[in-house]
């Protein structure tokens, strides 16, 4: 079974690194360079 929760974050200030955190599971860090390469799209999974 899979649960997909797409979301968009608008008006994020420029930075060299960004973090995404869901609940208490710890932040995942992405560099701006990697996000540009990925067209500003990320995927996270649990389990």
N, C-alpha and C. Protein backbone atom coordinates (compact mmCIF):
# COMPACT_ATOMS: atom_id res chain seq x y z
N UNK A 1 0.85 -1.17 0.00
CA UNK A 1 0.00 0.00 0.00
C UNK A 1 0.90 1.24 0.00
N UNK A 2 0.50 2.25 -0.72
CA UNK A 2 1.29 3.46 -0.84
C UNK A 2 0.42 4.68 -0.55
N UNK A 3 0.98 5.63 0.17
CA UNK A 3 0.29 6.88 0.48
C UNK A 3 1.15 8.01 -0.08
N UNK A 4 0.59 8.80 -0.97
CA UNK A 4 1.32 9.90 -1.60
C UNK A 4 0.71 11.21 -1.13
N UNK A 5 1.55 12.10 -0.62
CA UNK A 5 1.09 13.39 -0.12
C UNK A 5 1.86 14.51 -0.81
N UNK A 6 1.42 14.90 -2.00
CA UNK A 6 2.13 15.99 -2.69
C UNK A 6 1.88 17.33 -2.00
N UNK A 7 2.87 18.20 -2.03
CA UNK A 7 2.71 19.54 -1.46
C UNK A 7 3.63 20.50 -2.19
N UNK A 8 3.34 21.77 -2.06
CA UNK A 8 4.14 22.83 -2.66
C UNK A 8 4.44 23.87 -1.60
N UNK A 9 5.66 24.37 -1.60
CA UNK A 9 6.05 25.44 -0.68
C UNK A 9 6.40 26.66 -1.53
N UNK A 10 5.68 27.74 -1.31
CA UNK A 10 5.88 28.96 -2.11
C UNK A 10 6.73 29.98 -1.35
N UNK A 11 7.36 30.87 -2.09
CA UNK A 11 8.09 32.00 -1.54
C UNK A 11 9.19 31.60 -0.55
N UNK A 12 9.94 30.60 -0.90
CA UNK A 12 11.06 30.15 -0.05
C UNK A 12 12.26 31.04 -0.35
N UNK A 13 12.87 31.61 0.66
CA UNK A 13 14.03 32.48 0.43
C UNK A 13 15.23 31.69 -0.10
N UNK A 14 16.09 32.36 -0.83
CA UNK A 14 17.29 31.72 -1.38
C UNK A 14 18.21 31.25 -0.26
N UNK A 15 18.80 30.07 -0.45
CA UNK A 15 19.72 29.51 0.53
C UNK A 15 20.60 28.48 -0.17
N UNK A 16 21.74 28.17 0.41
CA UNK A 16 22.60 27.12 -0.16
C UNK A 16 22.06 25.73 0.12
N UNK A 17 21.32 25.60 1.25
CA UNK A 17 20.76 24.31 1.64
C UNK A 17 19.34 24.49 2.15
N UNK A 18 18.53 23.44 1.99
CA UNK A 18 17.14 23.44 2.44
C UNK A 18 16.89 22.13 3.18
N UNK A 19 15.97 22.17 4.15
CA UNK A 19 15.62 20.96 4.89
C UNK A 19 14.12 20.74 4.84
N UNK A 20 13.76 19.46 4.76
CA UNK A 20 12.37 19.04 4.82
C UNK A 20 12.24 18.10 6.01
N UNK A 21 11.25 18.34 6.85
CA UNK A 21 11.04 17.48 8.01
C UNK A 21 9.56 17.16 8.14
N UNK A 22 9.26 15.89 8.35
CA UNK A 22 7.89 15.44 8.55
C UNK A 22 7.79 14.88 9.95
N UNK A 23 6.99 15.51 10.76
CA UNK A 23 6.76 15.10 12.14
C UNK A 23 8.09 15.04 12.89
N UNK A 24 8.33 13.97 13.61
CA UNK A 24 9.51 13.83 14.45
C UNK A 24 10.57 12.93 13.82
N UNK A 25 10.52 12.75 12.53
CA UNK A 25 11.39 11.78 11.86
C UNK A 25 12.75 12.32 11.46
N UNK A 26 13.01 13.57 11.75
CA UNK A 26 14.31 14.15 11.42
C UNK A 26 14.30 14.84 10.07
N UNK A 27 15.08 15.87 9.96
CA UNK A 27 15.14 16.66 8.73
C UNK A 27 16.01 15.98 7.69
N UNK A 28 15.63 16.15 6.43
CA UNK A 28 16.42 15.69 5.29
C UNK A 28 16.92 16.95 4.59
N UNK A 29 18.23 17.04 4.36
CA UNK A 29 18.84 18.24 3.80
C UNK A 29 19.11 18.06 2.31
N UNK A 30 18.81 19.11 1.55
CA UNK A 30 19.06 19.15 0.12
C UNK A 30 19.84 20.41 -0.20
N UNK A 31 20.85 20.30 -1.05
CA UNK A 31 21.56 21.50 -1.49
C UNK A 31 20.76 22.17 -2.59
N UNK A 32 20.97 23.47 -2.74
CA UNK A 32 20.28 24.19 -3.80
C UNK A 32 20.69 23.62 -5.16
N UNK A 33 21.97 23.28 -5.32
CA UNK A 33 22.44 22.72 -6.59
C UNK A 33 21.72 21.42 -6.93
N UNK A 34 21.53 20.55 -5.95
CA UNK A 34 20.81 19.29 -6.19
C UNK A 34 19.35 19.55 -6.52
N UNK A 35 18.73 20.49 -5.83
CA UNK A 35 17.33 20.80 -6.11
C UNK A 35 17.15 21.37 -7.51
N UNK A 36 18.08 22.19 -7.95
CA UNK A 36 18.01 22.72 -9.32
C UNK A 36 18.10 21.56 -10.32
N UNK A 37 19.02 20.62 -10.09
CA UNK A 37 19.17 19.45 -10.97
C UNK A 37 17.90 18.61 -11.01
N UNK A 38 17.16 18.57 -9.89
CA UNK A 38 15.95 17.76 -9.77
C UNK A 38 14.69 18.58 -10.07
N UNK A 39 14.84 19.74 -10.69
CA UNK A 39 13.71 20.63 -11.01
C UNK A 39 12.92 20.98 -9.75
N UNK A 40 13.61 21.17 -8.64
CA UNK A 40 13.02 21.55 -7.37
C UNK A 40 11.94 20.56 -6.91
N UNK A 41 12.18 19.29 -7.15
CA UNK A 41 11.25 18.24 -6.73
C UNK A 41 12.00 17.22 -5.89
N UNK A 42 11.41 16.80 -4.79
CA UNK A 42 12.02 15.77 -3.93
C UNK A 42 10.99 14.70 -3.61
N UNK A 43 11.48 13.54 -3.27
CA UNK A 43 10.63 12.44 -2.81
C UNK A 43 11.20 11.89 -1.52
N UNK A 44 10.37 11.69 -0.55
CA UNK A 44 10.77 11.08 0.73
C UNK A 44 9.93 9.84 0.93
N UNK A 45 10.50 8.85 1.61
CA UNK A 45 9.73 7.64 1.91
C UNK A 45 10.01 7.21 3.34
N UNK A 46 9.09 6.50 3.90
CA UNK A 46 9.22 5.96 5.25
C UNK A 46 9.31 4.44 5.15
N UNK A 47 10.08 3.87 6.04
CA UNK A 47 10.08 2.43 6.10
C UNK A 47 11.29 1.79 5.70
